[in-house]
Amino acid sequence: MQISLLAIYFPIALFTFLILLSAFLLDSTTSRTHWQSWQIVLLGSAFWLVVIPLSAFEIALKLNKVKNCA
């Protein structure tokens, strides 16, 4: 049971890490040597179970706000 949970957790964590890393590297406003930014990338990918639903909720709120303004 634990192996199957890890087999699900780690690929999604890796995918989340790659998305956060690409967003970090494409962001021109953040220094690549800023260690706190690297911590956020690592923590965000480690805690993807919390980060992904919160991000989806935030995006939904922004889309709803834009839809109501238009």
N, C-alpha and C. Protein backbone atom coordinates (compact mmCIF):
# COMPACT_ATOMS: atom_id res chain seq x y z
N MET A 1 0.83 -1.20 0.00
CA MET A 1 0.00 0.00 0.00
C MET A 1 0.87 1.26 0.00
N GLN A 2 1.94 1.25 0.81
CA GLN A 2 2.79 2.43 0.88
C GLN A 2 3.54 2.65 -0.42
N ILE A 3 3.92 1.58 -1.07
CA ILE A 3 4.65 1.72 -2.33
C ILE A 3 3.74 2.32 -3.39
N SER A 4 2.48 1.92 -3.40
CA SER A 4 1.57 2.47 -4.41
C SER A 4 1.28 3.95 -4.14
N LEU A 5 1.21 4.33 -2.87
CA LEU A 5 1.02 5.74 -2.56
C LEU A 5 2.24 6.56 -2.96
N LEU A 6 3.42 6.03 -2.74
CA LEU A 6 4.64 6.72 -3.15
C LEU A 6 4.75 6.77 -4.67
N ALA A 7 4.27 5.73 -5.33
CA ALA A 7 4.31 5.70 -6.79
C ALA A 7 3.38 6.76 -7.38
N ILE A 8 2.39 7.17 -6.64
CA ILE A 8 1.50 8.25 -7.09
C ILE A 8 2.05 9.61 -6.66
N TYR A 9 2.55 9.69 -5.42
CA TYR A 9 2.99 10.97 -4.87
C TYR A 9 4.19 11.55 -5.61
N PHE A 10 5.23 10.76 -5.82
CA PHE A 10 6.48 11.29 -6.37
C PHE A 10 6.39 11.74 -7.83
N PRO A 11 5.69 11.04 -8.71
CA PRO A 11 5.58 11.58 -10.07
C PRO A 11 4.84 12.91 -10.12
N ILE A 12 3.80 13.05 -9.30
CA ILE A 12 3.08 14.33 -9.28
C ILE A 12 3.95 15.41 -8.65
N ALA A 13 4.71 15.05 -7.62
CA ALA A 13 5.64 16.00 -7.01
C ALA A 13 6.70 16.44 -8.01
N LEU A 14 7.21 15.51 -8.79
CA LEU A 14 8.20 15.85 -9.82
C LEU A 14 7.59 16.76 -10.88
N PHE A 15 6.39 16.44 -11.32
CA PHE A 15 5.70 17.27 -12.31
C PHE A 15 5.46 18.68 -11.76
N THR A 16 5.03 18.77 -10.51
CA THR A 16 4.82 20.06 -9.87
C THR A 16 6.13 20.82 -9.75
N PHE A 17 7.21 20.12 -9.40
CA PHE A 17 8.53 20.75 -9.31
C PHE A 17 8.94 21.33 -10.66
N LEU A 18 8.72 20.58 -11.72
CA LEU A 18 9.10 21.06 -13.05
C LEU A 18 8.30 22.29 -13.45
N ILE A 19 7.02 22.32 -13.12
CA ILE A 19 6.20 23.49 -13.43
C ILE A 19 6.66 24.70 -12.63
N LEU A 20 6.87 24.50 -11.31
CA LEU A 20 7.32 25.62 -10.48
C LEU A 20 8.72 26.09 -10.89
N LEU A 21 9.59 25.16 -11.24
CA LEU A 21 10.94 25.53 -11.67
C LEU A 21 10.90 26.32 -12.97
N SER A 22 10.08 25.88 -13.91
CA SER A 22 10.01 26.63 -15.17
C SER A 22 9.42 28.01 -14.96
N ALA A 23 8.42 28.13 -14.09
CA ALA A 23 7.86 29.45 -13.80
C ALA A 23 8.90 30.33 -13.12
N PHE A 24 9.68 29.75 -12.22
CA PHE A 24 10.72 30.51 -11.54
C PHE A 24 11.80 30.97 -12.51
N LEU A 25 12.21 30.09 -13.40
CA LEU A 25 13.27 30.45 -14.34
C LEU A 25 12.80 31.45 -15.39
N LEU A 26 11.51 31.43 -15.73
CA LEU A 26 10.99 32.38 -16.71
C LEU A 26 10.68 33.75 -16.10
N ASP A 27 10.61 33.82 -14.77
CA ASP A 27 10.32 35.08 -14.09
C ASP A 27 11.57 35.95 -14.10
N SER A 28 11.48 37.07 -14.77
CA SER A 28 12.65 37.95 -14.88
C SER A 28 12.82 38.87 -13.68
N THR A 29 11.84 38.91 -12.77
CA THR A 29 11.92 39.82 -11.63
C THR A 29 12.61 39.20 -10.43
N THR A 30 12.83 37.89 -10.44
CA THR A 30 13.45 37.21 -9.29
C THR A 30 14.87 36.80 -9.64
N SER A 31 15.78 37.06 -8.71
CA SER A 31 17.18 36.68 -8.90
C SER A 31 17.32 35.16 -8.79
N ARG A 32 18.15 34.58 -9.62
CA ARG A 32 18.36 33.12 -9.60
C ARG A 32 19.14 32.69 -8.35
N THR A 33 19.80 33.64 -7.69
CA THR A 33 20.58 33.32 -6.50
C THR A 33 19.80 33.58 -5.21
N HIS A 34 18.55 33.96 -5.29
CA HIS A 34 17.73 34.23 -4.12
C HIS A 34 17.31 32.89 -3.50
N TRP A 35 17.86 32.54 -2.36
CA TRP A 35 17.65 31.21 -1.78
C TRP A 35 16.23 30.98 -1.32
N GLN A 36 15.52 32.04 -0.92
CA GLN A 36 14.14 31.85 -0.48
C GLN A 36 13.23 31.46 -1.65
N SER A 37 13.54 31.93 -2.83
CA SER A 37 12.77 31.52 -4.00
C SER A 37 12.96 30.04 -4.29
N TRP A 38 14.17 29.56 -4.13
CA TRP A 38 14.44 28.13 -4.33
C TRP A 38 13.73 27.30 -3.27
N GLN A 39 13.64 27.82 -2.05
CA GLN A 39 12.92 27.11 -0.99
C GLN A 39 11.44 26.98 -1.34
N ILE A 40 10.87 28.03 -1.89
CA ILE A 40 9.46 27.98 -2.27
C ILE A 40 9.23 26.95 -3.36
N VAL A 41 10.14 26.88 -4.31
CA VAL A 41 10.01 25.89 -5.38
C VAL A 41 10.06 24.48 -4.79
N LEU A 42 10.98 24.24 -3.88
CA LEU A 42 11.11 22.92 -3.28
C LEU A 42 9.94 22.58 -2.35
N LEU A 43 9.54 23.54 -1.52
CA LEU A 43 8.43 23.30 -0.61
C LEU A 43 7.11 23.16 -1.36
N GLY A 44 6.95 23.95 -2.40
CA GLY A 44 5.73 23.86 -3.19
C GLY A 44 5.58 22.52 -3.86
N SER A 45 6.68 21.97 -4.32
CA SER A 45 6.61 20.65 -4.95
C SER A 45 6.47 19.54 -3.91
N ALA A 46 7.05 19.72 -2.73
CA ALA A 46 6.93 18.71 -1.68
C ALA A 46 5.50 18.66 -1.12
N PHE A 47 4.87 19.82 -1.02
CA PHE A 47 3.52 19.90 -0.46
C PHE A 47 2.48 20.15 -1.54
N TRP A 48 2.61 19.44 -2.66
CA TRP A 48 1.71 19.63 -3.79
C TRP A 48 0.27 19.31 -3.44
N LEU A 49 0.04 18.47 -2.45
CA LEU A 49 -1.33 18.14 -2.05
C LEU A 49 -2.08 19.37 -1.55
N VAL A 50 -1.36 20.34 -1.03
CA VAL A 50 -1.98 21.58 -0.56
C VAL A 50 -1.86 22.67 -1.62
N VAL A 51 -0.72 22.73 -2.29
CA VAL A 51 -0.43 23.82 -3.23
C VAL A 51 -1.35 23.78 -4.45
N ILE A 52 -1.55 22.62 -5.03
CA ILE A 52 -2.33 22.53 -6.26
C ILE A 52 -3.79 22.93 -6.04
N PRO A 53 -4.49 22.42 -5.00
CA PRO A 53 -5.87 22.89 -4.80
C PRO A 53 -5.97 24.38 -4.48
N LEU A 54 -5.03 24.91 -3.70
CA LEU A 54 -5.06 26.34 -3.40
C LEU A 54 -4.81 27.18 -4.65
N SER A 55 -3.90 26.73 -5.49
CA SER A 55 -3.64 27.45 -6.74
C SER A 55 -4.85 27.41 -7.66
N ALA A 56 -5.48 26.26 -7.75
CA ALA A 56 -6.68 26.15 -8.59
C ALA A 56 -7.79 27.04 -8.07
N PHE A 57 -7.94 27.11 -6.75
CA PHE A 57 -8.95 27.97 -6.15
C PHE A 57 -8.65 29.44 -6.44
N GLU A 58 -7.39 29.84 -6.33
CA GLU A 58 -7.00 31.22 -6.60
C GLU A 58 -7.24 31.58 -8.07
N ILE A 59 -6.92 30.67 -8.97
CA ILE A 59 -7.15 30.92 -10.39
C ILE A 59 -8.64 31.04 -10.67
N ALA A 60 -9.44 30.18 -10.04
CA ALA A 60 -10.89 30.25 -10.23
C ALA A 60 -11.45 31.57 -9.72
N LEU A 61 -10.94 32.04 -8.60
CA LEU A 61 -11.38 33.34 -8.07
C LEU A 61 -11.04 34.48 -9.02
N LYS A 62 -9.83 34.45 -9.57
CA LYS A 62 -9.42 35.50 -10.51
C LYS A 62 -10.26 35.46 -11.78
N LEU A 63 -10.52 34.26 -12.29
CA LEU A 63 -11.35 34.14 -13.50
C LEU A 63 -12.77 34.62 -13.25
N ASN A 64 -13.30 34.30 -12.07
CA ASN A 64 -14.64 34.74 -11.72
C ASN A 64 -14.69 36.27 -11.59
N LYS A 65 -13.65 36.85 -11.04
CA LYS A 65 -13.58 38.31 -10.89
C LYS A 65 -13.52 38.98 -12.26
N VAL A 66 -12.71 38.43 -13.16
CA VAL A 66 -12.61 38.99 -14.50
C VAL A 66 -13.93 38.84 -15.25
N LYS A 67 -14.59 37.69 -15.07
CA LYS A 67 -15.86 37.44 -15.75
C LYS A 67 -16.93 38.40 -15.25
N ASN A 68 -16.91 38.71 -13.95
CA ASN A 68 -17.90 39.63 -13.39
C ASN A 68 -17.64 41.07 -13.81
N CYS A 69 -16.39 41.43 -14.04
CA CYS A 69 -16.06 42.79 -14.46
C CYS A 69 -16.39 43.03 -15.94
N ALA A 70 -16.35 41.98 -16.72
CA ALA A 70 -16.58 42.14 -18.17
C ALA A 70 -18.01 42.17 -18.54
